[in-house]
Amino acid sequence: MQVPSRQIRIFIIDPQPLIAAALHHLFAANAIFHVVGTSQLVKALILRTLCPDVVLLCQEHGSTDVCDMVGACRAAAPAAKVCVVACHTHPELVPRVLEAGADGYAIKDTAPAELIDAVIQMHDGLTYIDPRLGAYPLNARSSSRRVRTLNNLSIRETEVLKLIADGYSNREISIALSLSEKTIKNHISRIFAKLHITARTQAVIHAIKAGIA
């Protein structure tokens, strides 16, 4: 792999200070990288000020919607590559984070050398997906955008619609997506309003016609 002509400026976001410190040590020990900072949360002002080349965005199980955090990073540092580092494989998250603007999806238990290579790949303009997820189609961004346009729904709303079509109750959807039932009800209300429907059976029909069920 080609060595960058200058140091890669990296910013680490992890809610656990110990993990953030370990990642800081890993990258700071490699002359290819310059760790410009760490944070427990996405802080737009800091990202705009430090202008990192790569943002490592570590996601915990049950944390705030990682897609929102990816979007916040992209808005604050549009030139930066964003790599989601998840606790588990969660293959269902991959199309969502790519659509939100992420450039990679790694797992926290990956080998340190693999994570370093992944960051270099993203810095070079490639998309990185953890190999344990298999041969994931890297045109997922365009596919997700096509579905999003077809339904006039957000990625999250499309997920909820698919689960409705699969016969999930509101409670089951809330468990599947790690969201409160109130949040699910709000999503469903927006889905019904956007699709101009009033019943779940109509939602199922739309999902089938749209090719997402």
N, C-alpha and C. Protein backbone atom coordinates (compact mmCIF):
# COMPACT_ATOMS: atom_id res chain seq x y z
N MET A 1 0.84 -1.20 0.00
CA MET A 1 0.00 0.00 0.00
C MET A 1 0.87 1.25 0.00
N GLN A 2 0.48 2.20 -0.82
CA GLN A 2 1.29 3.41 -0.96
C GLN A 2 1.28 4.24 0.32
N VAL A 3 2.44 4.69 0.74
CA VAL A 3 2.55 5.52 1.94
C VAL A 3 2.20 6.95 1.57
N PRO A 4 1.33 7.61 2.36
CA PRO A 4 0.95 8.99 2.05
C PRO A 4 2.15 9.92 2.04
N SER A 5 2.10 10.97 1.21
CA SER A 5 3.20 11.91 1.10
C SER A 5 3.31 12.81 2.31
N ARG A 6 2.23 12.91 3.08
CA ARG A 6 2.26 13.68 4.33
C ARG A 6 1.47 12.92 5.38
N GLN A 7 1.59 13.33 6.61
CA GLN A 7 0.87 12.66 7.69
C GLN A 7 -0.65 12.78 7.51
N ILE A 8 -1.34 11.72 7.84
CA ILE A 8 -2.81 11.73 7.81
C ILE A 8 -3.31 12.26 9.14
N ARG A 9 -4.05 13.36 9.07
CA ARG A 9 -4.59 13.97 10.29
C ARG A 9 -5.85 13.23 10.69
N ILE A 10 -5.83 12.65 11.88
CA ILE A 10 -6.94 11.79 12.31
C ILE A 10 -7.56 12.30 13.60
N PHE A 11 -8.89 12.26 13.65
CA PHE A 11 -9.62 12.66 14.86
C PHE A 11 -10.45 11.46 15.30
N ILE A 12 -10.44 11.18 16.61
CA ILE A 12 -11.08 9.98 17.16
C ILE A 12 -12.26 10.37 18.03
N ILE A 13 -13.41 9.78 17.76
CA ILE A 13 -14.61 10.01 18.57
C ILE A 13 -15.04 8.68 19.16
N ASP A 14 -14.98 8.58 20.48
CA ASP A 14 -15.41 7.36 21.16
C ASP A 14 -15.96 7.75 22.53
N PRO A 15 -17.17 7.27 22.88
CA PRO A 15 -17.76 7.65 24.17
C PRO A 15 -17.00 7.09 25.37
N GLN A 16 -16.13 6.10 25.13
CA GLN A 16 -15.36 5.51 26.22
C GLN A 16 -13.93 6.07 26.20
N PRO A 17 -13.57 6.88 27.19
CA PRO A 17 -12.23 7.50 27.21
C PRO A 17 -11.09 6.50 27.10
N LEU A 18 -11.25 5.32 27.70
CA LEU A 18 -10.18 4.32 27.65
C LEU A 18 -9.96 3.83 26.22
N ILE A 19 -11.05 3.58 25.49
CA ILE A 19 -10.93 3.13 24.10
C ILE A 19 -10.33 4.24 23.24
N ALA A 20 -10.80 5.47 23.48
CA ALA A 20 -10.26 6.60 22.73
C ALA A 20 -8.76 6.74 22.95
N ALA A 21 -8.34 6.55 24.19
CA ALA A 21 -6.91 6.65 24.51
C ALA A 21 -6.11 5.54 23.83
N ALA A 22 -6.68 4.34 23.79
CA ALA A 22 -6.00 3.22 23.14
C ALA A 22 -5.86 3.47 21.63
N LEU A 23 -6.90 3.98 21.00
CA LEU A 23 -6.83 4.30 19.58
C LEU A 23 -5.85 5.43 19.32
N HIS A 24 -5.85 6.42 20.21
CA HIS A 24 -4.89 7.53 20.10
C HIS A 24 -3.46 6.98 20.12
N HIS A 25 -3.19 6.08 21.07
CA HIS A 25 -1.85 5.50 21.19
C HIS A 25 -1.49 4.71 19.94
N LEU A 26 -2.45 3.93 19.41
CA LEU A 26 -2.20 3.10 18.23
C LEU A 26 -1.76 3.95 17.04
N PHE A 27 -2.50 5.03 16.77
CA PHE A 27 -2.21 5.83 15.59
C PHE A 27 -1.03 6.79 15.82
N ALA A 28 -0.91 7.29 17.04
CA ALA A 28 0.19 8.22 17.33
C ALA A 28 1.54 7.51 17.25
N ALA A 29 1.55 6.19 17.46
CA ALA A 29 2.79 5.42 17.41
C ALA A 29 3.26 5.16 15.98
N ASN A 30 2.43 5.51 15.01
CA ASN A 30 2.77 5.29 13.60
C ASN A 30 3.05 6.64 12.95
N ALA A 31 4.23 6.77 12.36
CA ALA A 31 4.65 8.06 11.81
C ALA A 31 3.77 8.55 10.66
N ILE A 32 2.95 7.65 10.09
CA ILE A 32 2.07 8.05 8.99
C ILE A 32 0.97 8.99 9.47
N PHE A 33 0.64 8.88 10.77
CA PHE A 33 -0.52 9.60 11.30
C PHE A 33 -0.16 10.72 12.27
N HIS A 34 -1.05 11.69 12.31
CA HIS A 34 -1.00 12.74 13.33
C HIS A 34 -2.38 12.83 13.94
N VAL A 35 -2.49 12.42 15.21
CA VAL A 35 -3.78 12.47 15.90
C VAL A 35 -4.03 13.91 16.35
N VAL A 36 -5.00 14.56 15.73
CA VAL A 36 -5.24 15.97 16.03
C VAL A 36 -6.17 16.16 17.22
N GLY A 37 -6.82 15.09 17.66
CA GLY A 37 -7.67 15.23 18.83
C GLY A 37 -8.57 14.04 19.04
N THR A 38 -9.19 13.98 20.24
CA THR A 38 -10.17 12.96 20.56
C THR A 38 -11.34 13.62 21.27
N SER A 39 -12.48 12.95 21.22
CA SER A 39 -13.68 13.48 21.86
C SER A 39 -14.62 12.32 22.15
N GLN A 40 -15.48 12.51 23.16
CA GLN A 40 -16.50 11.50 23.46
C GLN A 40 -17.75 11.70 22.61
N LEU A 41 -17.91 12.89 22.04
CA LEU A 41 -19.08 13.22 21.24
C LEU A 41 -18.65 13.90 19.95
N VAL A 42 -19.58 13.97 19.00
CA VAL A 42 -19.33 14.75 17.79
C VAL A 42 -19.43 16.22 18.15
N LYS A 43 -18.35 16.97 17.99
CA LYS A 43 -18.33 18.39 18.31
C LYS A 43 -17.96 19.17 17.05
N ALA A 44 -18.98 19.78 16.45
CA ALA A 44 -18.82 20.41 15.15
C ALA A 44 -17.74 21.48 15.15
N LEU A 45 -17.70 22.30 16.18
CA LEU A 45 -16.73 23.40 16.22
C LEU A 45 -15.31 22.87 16.21
N ILE A 46 -15.06 21.82 16.98
CA ILE A 46 -13.72 21.24 17.04
C ILE A 46 -13.33 20.66 15.69
N LEU A 47 -14.27 19.95 15.05
CA LEU A 47 -13.98 19.35 13.75
C LEU A 47 -13.69 20.41 12.70
N ARG A 48 -14.47 21.49 12.72
CA ARG A 48 -14.25 22.58 11.76
C ARG A 48 -12.90 23.24 11.99
N THR A 49 -12.50 23.34 13.25
CA THR A 49 -11.25 24.02 13.60
C THR A 49 -10.02 23.16 13.25
N LEU A 50 -10.11 21.85 13.54
CA LEU A 50 -8.95 20.98 13.38
C LEU A 50 -8.79 20.43 11.96
N CYS A 51 -9.88 20.42 11.18
CA CYS A 51 -9.83 19.96 9.77
C CYS A 51 -9.11 18.62 9.61
N PRO A 52 -9.60 17.55 10.23
CA PRO A 52 -8.94 16.25 10.09
C PRO A 52 -9.11 15.68 8.68
N ASP A 53 -8.21 14.79 8.30
CA ASP A 53 -8.35 14.07 7.04
C ASP A 53 -9.29 12.89 7.20
N VAL A 54 -9.26 12.27 8.38
CA VAL A 54 -10.09 11.10 8.66
C VAL A 54 -10.68 11.22 10.06
N VAL A 55 -11.96 10.90 10.17
CA VAL A 55 -12.63 10.86 11.48
C VAL A 55 -12.98 9.41 11.78
N LEU A 56 -12.48 8.90 12.90
CA LEU A 56 -12.89 7.57 13.38
C LEU A 56 -14.07 7.77 14.30
N LEU A 57 -15.23 7.27 13.90
CA LEU A 57 -16.46 7.46 14.65
C LEU A 57 -16.87 6.13 15.26
N CYS A 58 -16.58 5.96 16.53
CA CYS A 58 -16.84 4.68 17.19
C CYS A 58 -18.27 4.65 17.72
N GLN A 59 -18.98 3.59 17.40
CA GLN A 59 -20.38 3.46 17.74
C GLN A 59 -20.59 2.37 18.76
N GLU A 60 -21.33 2.68 19.81
CA GLU A 60 -21.67 1.69 20.82
C GLU A 60 -23.05 1.12 20.54
N HIS A 61 -23.26 -0.12 21.00
CA HIS A 61 -24.58 -0.72 20.86
C HIS A 61 -25.60 0.10 21.64
N GLY A 62 -26.69 0.45 20.99
CA GLY A 62 -27.75 1.21 21.64
C GLY A 62 -27.47 2.70 21.71
N SER A 63 -26.43 3.18 21.04
CA SER A 63 -26.11 4.60 21.09
C SER A 63 -27.01 5.39 20.15
N THR A 64 -26.86 6.70 20.17
CA THR A 64 -27.61 7.57 19.27
C THR A 64 -27.41 7.12 17.84
N ASP A 65 -28.40 7.34 17.01
CA ASP A 65 -28.35 6.92 15.61
C ASP A 65 -27.01 7.30 14.98
N VAL A 66 -26.25 6.31 14.61
CA VAL A 66 -24.91 6.55 14.06
C VAL A 66 -24.98 7.32 12.75
N CYS A 67 -26.09 7.17 12.00
CA CYS A 67 -26.22 7.91 10.74
C CYS A 67 -26.28 9.41 10.99
N ASP A 68 -26.95 9.81 12.07
CA ASP A 68 -27.00 11.22 12.41
C ASP A 68 -25.61 11.74 12.75
N MET A 69 -24.82 10.90 13.44
CA MET A 69 -23.47 11.30 13.82
C MET A 69 -22.57 11.41 12.58
N VAL A 70 -22.75 10.47 11.64
CA VAL A 70 -22.00 10.55 10.39
C VAL A 70 -22.33 11.85 9.67
N GLY A 71 -23.63 12.17 9.60
CA GLY A 71 -24.06 13.40 8.94
C GLY A 71 -23.48 14.63 9.60
N ALA A 72 -23.43 14.62 10.93
CA ALA A 72 -22.87 15.76 11.66
C ALA A 72 -21.38 15.92 11.37
N CYS A 73 -20.66 14.80 11.28
CA CYS A 73 -19.23 14.86 10.95
C CYS A 73 -19.03 15.40 9.54
N ARG A 74 -19.85 14.93 8.60
CA ARG A 74 -19.72 15.38 7.21
C ARG A 74 -20.00 16.88 7.09
N ALA A 75 -20.99 17.34 7.85
CA ALA A 75 -21.33 18.76 7.80
C ALA A 75 -20.22 19.62 8.39
N ALA A 76 -19.61 19.14 9.46
CA ALA A 76 -18.58 19.92 10.14
C ALA A 76 -17.23 19.85 9.43
N ALA A 77 -16.94 18.69 8.84
CA ALA A 77 -15.64 18.51 8.16
C ALA A 77 -15.89 17.82 6.82
N PRO A 78 -16.43 18.54 5.84
CA PRO A 78 -16.84 17.92 4.57
C PRO A 78 -15.71 17.28 3.79
N ALA A 79 -14.49 17.71 4.01
CA ALA A 79 -13.36 17.13 3.27
C ALA A 79 -12.83 15.86 3.92
N ALA A 80 -13.27 15.58 5.14
CA ALA A 80 -12.75 14.43 5.88
C ALA A 80 -13.41 13.13 5.45
N LYS A 81 -12.67 12.05 5.52
CA LYS A 81 -13.23 10.71 5.37
C LYS A 81 -13.76 10.28 6.73
N VAL A 82 -14.90 9.60 6.75
CA VAL A 82 -15.50 9.17 8.01
C VAL A 82 -15.57 7.65 8.04
N CYS A 83 -14.97 7.06 9.07
CA CYS A 83 -15.00 5.61 9.25
C CYS A 83 -15.78 5.27 10.51
N VAL A 84 -16.87 4.53 10.35
CA VAL A 84 -17.63 4.05 11.50
C VAL A 84 -16.92 2.81 12.04
N VAL A 85 -16.65 2.82 13.33
CA VAL A 85 -16.05 1.67 13.99
C VAL A 85 -17.08 1.12 14.97
N ALA A 86 -17.70 0.00 14.61
CA ALA A 86 -18.82 -0.54 15.37
C ALA A 86 -18.36 -1.62 16.35
N CYS A 87 -19.18 -1.84 17.39
CA CYS A 87 -18.86 -2.88 18.37
C CYS A 87 -19.06 -4.28 17.78
N HIS A 88 -20.05 -4.42 16.89
CA HIS A 88 -20.36 -5.71 16.30
C HIS A 88 -20.52 -5.53 14.79
N THR A 89 -20.71 -6.63 14.06
CA THR A 89 -20.78 -6.55 12.61
C THR A 89 -21.97 -5.74 12.12
N HIS A 90 -23.18 -5.98 12.67
CA HIS A 90 -24.38 -5.23 12.28
C HIS A 90 -24.44 -4.96 10.77
N PRO A 91 -24.53 -6.00 9.93
CA PRO A 91 -24.52 -5.78 8.48
C PRO A 91 -25.63 -4.86 7.98
N GLU A 92 -26.73 -4.82 8.74
CA GLU A 92 -27.84 -3.95 8.31
C GLU A 92 -27.48 -2.47 8.40
N LEU A 93 -26.42 -2.14 9.15
CA LEU A 93 -26.02 -0.74 9.28
C LEU A 93 -25.21 -0.25 8.09
N VAL A 94 -24.58 -1.18 7.37
CA VAL A 94 -23.64 -0.78 6.32
C VAL A 94 -24.28 0.13 5.27
N PRO A 95 -25.40 -0.28 4.63
CA PRO A 95 -25.98 0.63 3.63
C PRO A 95 -26.42 1.96 4.21
N ARG A 96 -26.84 1.94 5.47
CA ARG A 96 -27.29 3.18 6.10
C ARG A 96 -26.14 4.16 6.30
N VAL A 97 -25.01 3.65 6.82
CA VAL A 97 -23.90 4.57 7.10
C VAL A 97 -23.26 5.05 5.80
N LEU A 98 -23.25 4.19 4.76
CA LEU A 98 -22.72 4.63 3.47
C LEU A 98 -23.60 5.72 2.87
N GLU A 99 -24.91 5.53 2.96
CA GLU A 99 -25.83 6.53 2.45
C GLU A 99 -25.69 7.85 3.21
N ALA A 100 -25.42 7.74 4.52
CA ALA A 100 -25.26 8.94 5.34
C ALA A 100 -23.96 9.68 5.03
N GLY A 101 -23.03 9.01 4.33
CA GLY A 101 -21.80 9.69 3.94
C GLY A 101 -20.52 9.08 4.47
N ALA A 102 -20.62 7.92 5.15
CA ALA A 102 -19.40 7.28 5.66
C ALA A 102 -18.58 6.70 4.51
N ASP A 103 -17.29 6.60 4.74
CA ASP A 103 -16.37 6.05 3.75
C ASP A 103 -15.89 4.66 4.12
N GLY A 104 -16.27 4.20 5.32
CA GLY A 104 -15.83 2.89 5.73
C GLY A 104 -16.61 2.38 6.93
N TYR A 105 -16.52 1.06 7.13
CA TYR A 105 -17.21 0.41 8.25
C TYR A 105 -16.28 -0.67 8.79
N ALA A 106 -15.71 -0.42 9.98
CA ALA A 106 -14.80 -1.36 10.61
C ALA A 106 -15.41 -1.86 11.92
N ILE A 107 -14.84 -2.93 12.45
CA ILE A 107 -15.31 -3.51 13.71
C ILE A 107 -14.22 -3.32 14.76
N LYS A 108 -14.64 -3.05 16.00
CA LYS A 108 -13.68 -2.72 17.05
C LYS A 108 -12.69 -3.84 17.36
N ASP A 109 -13.09 -5.10 17.12
CA ASP A 109 -12.17 -6.18 17.46
C ASP A 109 -11.25 -6.56 16.30
N THR A 110 -11.18 -5.70 15.29
CA THR A 110 -10.27 -5.96 14.17
C THR A 110 -8.82 -5.83 14.63
N ALA A 111 -7.92 -6.44 13.89
CA ALA A 111 -6.50 -6.33 14.23
C ALA A 111 -6.03 -4.90 14.02
N PRO A 112 -5.17 -4.38 14.90
CA PRO A 112 -4.68 -3.00 14.76
C PRO A 112 -4.13 -2.69 13.37
N ALA A 113 -3.35 -3.62 12.81
CA ALA A 113 -2.77 -3.39 11.48
C ALA A 113 -3.85 -3.27 10.41
N GLU A 114 -4.92 -4.04 10.56
CA GLU A 114 -6.03 -3.97 9.61
C GLU A 114 -6.73 -2.62 9.69
N LEU A 115 -6.92 -2.10 10.89
CA LEU A 115 -7.56 -0.80 11.05
C LEU A 115 -6.69 0.30 10.45
N ILE A 116 -5.40 0.21 10.66
CA ILE A 116 -4.48 1.19 10.08
C ILE A 116 -4.56 1.16 8.56
N ASP A 117 -4.55 -0.05 7.98
CA ASP A 117 -4.67 -0.18 6.53
C ASP A 117 -6.00 0.38 6.03
N ALA A 118 -7.06 0.14 6.80
CA ALA A 118 -8.39 0.63 6.42
C ALA A 118 -8.40 2.15 6.34
N VAL A 119 -7.79 2.80 7.31
CA VAL A 119 -7.75 4.26 7.33
C VAL A 119 -6.95 4.79 6.14
N ILE A 120 -5.87 4.13 5.83
CA ILE A 120 -5.06 4.56 4.68
C ILE A 120 -5.85 4.39 3.38
N GLN A 121 -6.58 3.28 3.26
CA GLN A 121 -7.41 3.05 2.08
C GLN A 121 -8.44 4.16 1.91
N MET A 122 -9.10 4.51 3.01
CA MET A 122 -10.12 5.56 2.93
C MET A 122 -9.50 6.91 2.58
N HIS A 123 -8.34 7.17 3.17
CA HIS A 123 -7.64 8.42 2.86
C HIS A 123 -7.29 8.49 1.38
N ASP A 124 -7.02 7.31 0.78
CA ASP A 124 -6.69 7.24 -0.64
C ASP A 124 -7.93 7.28 -1.55
N GLY A 125 -9.10 7.38 -0.94
CA GLY A 125 -10.32 7.51 -1.73
C GLY A 125 -11.10 6.24 -1.94
N LEU A 126 -10.70 5.15 -1.26
CA LEU A 126 -11.41 3.89 -1.40
C LEU A 126 -12.43 3.72 -0.29
N THR A 127 -13.41 2.85 -0.52
CA THR A 127 -14.38 2.50 0.51
C THR A 127 -13.92 1.22 1.19
N TYR A 128 -13.93 1.21 2.53
CA TYR A 128 -13.51 0.03 3.27
C TYR A 128 -14.70 -0.58 4.00
N ILE A 129 -14.90 -1.90 3.82
CA ILE A 129 -15.90 -2.64 4.58
C ILE A 129 -15.19 -3.82 5.22
N ASP A 130 -15.41 -4.03 6.52
CA ASP A 130 -14.76 -5.14 7.21
C ASP A 130 -14.96 -6.44 6.43
N PRO A 131 -13.86 -7.19 6.16
CA PRO A 131 -13.95 -8.42 5.35
C PRO A 131 -14.92 -9.46 5.90
N ARG A 132 -15.20 -9.41 7.21
CA ARG A 132 -16.11 -10.40 7.79
C ARG A 132 -17.55 -10.21 7.33
N LEU A 133 -17.82 -9.08 6.71
CA LEU A 133 -19.16 -8.84 6.17
C LEU A 133 -19.30 -9.43 4.77
N GLY A 134 -18.25 -10.06 4.28
CA GLY A 134 -18.32 -10.70 2.97
C GLY A 134 -18.09 -9.71 1.85
N ALA A 135 -18.41 -10.15 0.66
CA ALA A 135 -18.22 -9.31 -0.54
C ALA A 135 -19.35 -8.32 -0.64
N TYR A 136 -19.28 -7.30 0.16
CA TYR A 136 -20.36 -6.31 0.18
C TYR A 136 -20.28 -5.42 -1.04
N PRO A 137 -21.43 -5.17 -1.72
CA PRO A 137 -21.40 -4.33 -2.92
C PRO A 137 -21.06 -2.89 -2.57
N LEU A 138 -19.97 -2.38 -3.14
CA LEU A 138 -19.54 -1.03 -2.80
C LEU A 138 -20.27 0.05 -3.57
N ASN A 139 -21.26 -0.35 -4.37
CA ASN A 139 -22.13 0.65 -4.99
C ASN A 139 -23.37 0.84 -4.16
N ALA A 140 -23.27 0.50 -2.86
CA ALA A 140 -24.43 0.58 -1.98
C ALA A 140 -24.98 1.99 -1.87
N ARG A 141 -24.10 3.00 -1.97
CA ARG A 141 -24.60 4.37 -1.88
C ARG A 141 -25.63 4.65 -2.97
N SER A 142 -25.30 4.30 -4.22
CA SER A 142 -26.23 4.59 -5.32
C SER A 142 -27.51 3.79 -5.18
N SER A 143 -27.41 2.52 -4.73
CA SER A 143 -28.60 1.70 -4.56
C SER A 143 -29.50 2.27 -3.49
N SER A 144 -28.90 2.70 -2.37
CA SER A 144 -29.69 3.27 -1.29
C SER A 144 -30.37 4.55 -1.73
N ARG A 145 -29.63 5.39 -2.50
CA ARG A 145 -30.23 6.64 -2.96
C ARG A 145 -31.41 6.36 -3.90
N ARG A 146 -31.30 5.27 -4.72
CA ARG A 146 -32.39 4.97 -5.63
C ARG A 146 -33.65 4.63 -4.85
N VAL A 147 -33.51 3.79 -3.81
CA VAL A 147 -34.66 3.43 -2.99
C VAL A 147 -35.22 4.66 -2.29
N ARG A 148 -34.29 5.51 -1.78
CA ARG A 148 -34.75 6.69 -1.06
C ARG A 148 -35.57 7.60 -1.96
N THR A 149 -35.12 7.81 -3.21
CA THR A 149 -35.86 8.65 -4.14
C THR A 149 -37.19 8.02 -4.51
N LEU A 150 -37.19 6.71 -4.69
CA LEU A 150 -38.39 6.00 -5.09
C LEU A 150 -39.51 6.18 -4.06
N ASN A 151 -39.14 6.19 -2.80
CA ASN A 151 -40.16 6.25 -1.75
C ASN A 151 -40.38 7.65 -1.18
N ASN A 152 -39.50 8.58 -1.50
CA ASN A 152 -39.56 9.90 -0.89
C ASN A 152 -39.47 9.79 0.63
N LEU A 153 -38.78 8.79 1.11
CA LEU A 153 -38.63 8.57 2.54
C LEU A 153 -37.15 8.63 2.91
N SER A 154 -36.88 8.92 4.17
CA SER A 154 -35.50 8.86 4.65
C SER A 154 -35.08 7.39 4.75
N ILE A 155 -33.79 7.16 4.94
CA ILE A 155 -33.31 5.79 5.09
C ILE A 155 -33.96 5.13 6.30
N ARG A 156 -34.06 5.83 7.41
CA ARG A 156 -34.68 5.27 8.61
C ARG A 156 -36.16 4.96 8.35
N GLU A 157 -36.87 5.87 7.69
CA GLU A 157 -38.28 5.63 7.40
C GLU A 157 -38.46 4.43 6.47
N THR A 158 -37.52 4.27 5.53
CA THR A 158 -37.57 3.11 4.64
C THR A 158 -37.37 1.82 5.43
N GLU A 159 -36.47 1.85 6.41
CA GLU A 159 -36.27 0.68 7.28
C GLU A 159 -37.54 0.34 8.03
N VAL A 160 -38.19 1.36 8.58
CA VAL A 160 -39.43 1.13 9.33
C VAL A 160 -40.51 0.57 8.41
N LEU A 161 -40.60 1.13 7.21
CA LEU A 161 -41.60 0.65 6.25
C LEU A 161 -41.36 -0.82 5.90
N LYS A 162 -40.11 -1.20 5.71
CA LYS A 162 -39.80 -2.59 5.40
C LYS A 162 -40.21 -3.51 6.53
N LEU A 163 -39.97 -3.10 7.77
CA LEU A 163 -40.34 -3.92 8.92
C LEU A 163 -41.86 -4.01 9.07
N ILE A 164 -42.56 -2.92 8.75
CA ILE A 164 -44.03 -2.98 8.73
C ILE A 164 -44.49 -4.03 7.72
N ALA A 165 -43.89 -3.99 6.55
CA ALA A 165 -44.25 -4.94 5.49
C ALA A 165 -43.91 -6.37 5.90
N ASP A 166 -42.89 -6.54 6.76
CA ASP A 166 -42.52 -7.87 7.23
C ASP A 166 -43.42 -8.35 8.38
N GLY A 167 -44.38 -7.50 8.76
CA GLY A 167 -45.33 -7.90 9.79
C GLY A 167 -44.93 -7.57 11.21
N TYR A 168 -43.92 -6.72 11.39
CA TYR A 168 -43.50 -6.35 12.74
C TYR A 168 -44.51 -5.39 13.37
N SER A 169 -44.73 -5.56 14.68
CA SER A 169 -45.53 -4.59 15.44
C SER A 169 -44.65 -3.39 15.79
N ASN A 170 -45.26 -2.32 16.29
CA ASN A 170 -44.47 -1.15 16.69
C ASN A 170 -43.42 -1.52 17.73
N ARG A 171 -43.81 -2.36 18.67
CA ARG A 171 -42.87 -2.76 19.72
C ARG A 171 -41.71 -3.55 19.13
N GLU A 172 -42.02 -4.47 18.22
CA GLU A 172 -40.98 -5.29 17.60
C GLU A 172 -40.04 -4.43 16.75
N ILE A 173 -40.59 -3.41 16.09
CA ILE A 173 -39.75 -2.50 15.31
C ILE A 173 -38.83 -1.71 16.24
N SER A 174 -39.38 -1.27 17.37
CA SER A 174 -38.56 -0.49 18.31
C SER A 174 -37.40 -1.32 18.84
N ILE A 175 -37.64 -2.61 19.07
CA ILE A 175 -36.57 -3.50 19.55
C ILE A 175 -35.54 -3.73 18.44
N ALA A 176 -36.03 -3.98 17.23
CA ALA A 176 -35.13 -4.26 16.11
C ALA A 176 -34.21 -3.09 15.80
N LEU A 177 -34.72 -1.86 15.95
CA LEU A 177 -33.93 -0.67 15.60
C LEU A 177 -33.36 0.05 16.82
N SER A 178 -33.59 -0.53 18.01
CA SER A 178 -33.08 0.07 19.26
C SER A 178 -33.57 1.51 19.44
N LEU A 179 -34.84 1.71 19.16
CA LEU A 179 -35.48 3.02 19.33
C LEU A 179 -36.71 2.86 20.22
N SER A 180 -37.17 3.96 20.81
CA SER A 180 -38.37 3.90 21.64
C SER A 180 -39.61 3.72 20.77
N GLU A 181 -40.68 3.19 21.38
CA GLU A 181 -41.94 3.03 20.63
C GLU A 181 -42.48 4.39 20.19
N LYS A 182 -42.27 5.41 21.02
CA LYS A 182 -42.74 6.74 20.65
C LYS A 182 -42.05 7.22 19.38
N THR A 183 -40.74 6.99 19.29
CA THR A 183 -39.99 7.38 18.09
C THR A 183 -40.51 6.62 16.87
N ILE A 184 -40.79 5.32 17.05
CA ILE A 184 -41.32 4.52 15.94
C ILE A 184 -42.67 5.06 15.50
N LYS A 185 -43.52 5.40 16.45
CA LYS A 185 -44.83 5.97 16.09
C LYS A 185 -44.67 7.27 15.31
N ASN A 186 -43.70 8.08 15.70
CA ASN A 186 -43.45 9.33 14.97
C ASN A 186 -42.99 9.04 13.54
N HIS A 187 -42.11 8.05 13.38
CA HIS A 187 -41.65 7.66 12.03
C HIS A 187 -42.83 7.19 11.18
N ILE A 188 -43.70 6.38 11.79
CA ILE A 188 -44.84 5.85 11.04
C ILE A 188 -45.79 6.97 10.63
N SER A 189 -45.98 7.93 11.52
CA SER A 189 -46.85 9.07 11.18
C SER A 189 -46.29 9.83 9.98
N ARG A 190 -44.96 10.02 9.96
CA ARG A 190 -44.34 10.72 8.83
C ARG A 190 -44.42 9.90 7.55
N ILE A 191 -44.25 8.58 7.69
CA ILE A 191 -44.36 7.70 6.52
C ILE A 191 -45.75 7.79 5.92
N PHE A 192 -46.78 7.70 6.76
CA PHE A 192 -48.16 7.77 6.29
C PHE A 192 -48.43 9.12 5.61
N ALA A 193 -47.90 10.19 6.21
CA ALA A 193 -48.12 11.52 5.64
C ALA A 193 -47.45 11.66 4.28
N LYS A 194 -46.20 11.16 4.18
CA LYS A 194 -45.47 11.28 2.91
C LYS A 194 -46.08 10.42 1.80
N LEU A 195 -46.59 9.26 2.18
CA LEU A 195 -47.15 8.35 1.19
C LEU A 195 -48.65 8.56 0.97
N HIS A 196 -49.23 9.47 1.76
CA HIS A 196 -50.66 9.78 1.66
C HIS A 196 -51.50 8.52 1.87
N ILE A 197 -51.19 7.80 2.94
CA ILE A 197 -51.94 6.60 3.29
C ILE A 197 -52.40 6.70 4.73
N THR A 198 -53.30 5.79 5.12
CA THR A 198 -53.86 5.85 6.47
C THR A 198 -53.83 4.51 7.19
N ALA A 199 -53.36 3.46 6.54
CA ALA A 199 -53.39 2.13 7.15
C ALA A 199 -52.12 1.34 6.84
N ARG A 200 -51.79 0.40 7.72
CA ARG A 200 -50.58 -0.41 7.55
C ARG A 200 -50.67 -1.28 6.30
N THR A 201 -51.89 -1.74 5.97
CA THR A 201 -52.03 -2.56 4.76
C THR A 201 -51.63 -1.77 3.52
N GLN A 202 -51.94 -0.47 3.50
CA GLN A 202 -51.54 0.37 2.37
C GLN A 202 -50.02 0.53 2.35
N ALA A 203 -49.44 0.60 3.55
CA ALA A 203 -47.98 0.71 3.64
C ALA A 203 -47.31 -0.54 3.08
N VAL A 204 -47.88 -1.70 3.38
CA VAL A 204 -47.34 -2.96 2.87
C VAL A 204 -47.40 -2.98 1.34
N ILE A 205 -48.54 -2.57 0.78
CA ILE A 205 -48.69 -2.54 -0.68
C ILE A 205 -47.64 -1.62 -1.30
N HIS A 206 -47.44 -0.45 -0.70
CA HIS A 206 -46.44 0.50 -1.23
C HIS A 206 -45.04 -0.11 -1.17
N ALA A 207 -44.73 -0.79 -0.07
CA ALA A 207 -43.40 -1.39 0.10
C ALA A 207 -43.16 -2.45 -0.97
N ILE A 208 -44.19 -3.23 -1.28
CA ILE A 208 -44.06 -4.28 -2.30
C ILE A 208 -43.85 -3.64 -3.68
N LYS A 209 -44.64 -2.62 -3.99
CA LYS A 209 -44.51 -1.94 -5.27
C LYS A 209 -43.15 -1.27 -5.41
N ALA A 210 -42.62 -0.76 -4.28
CA ALA A 210 -41.33 -0.07 -4.30
C ALA A 210 -40.15 -1.02 -4.35
N GLY A 211 -40.43 -2.32 -4.15
CA GLY A 211 -39.37 -3.30 -4.21
C GLY A 211 -38.53 -3.41 -2.96
N ILE A 212 -39.06 -2.98 -1.82
CA ILE A 212 -38.29 -3.06 -0.58
C ILE A 212 -38.86 -4.10 0.38
N ALA A 213 -39.86 -4.86 -0.07
CA ALA A 213 -40.47 -5.90 0.75
C ALA A 213 -40.61 -7.18 -0.06
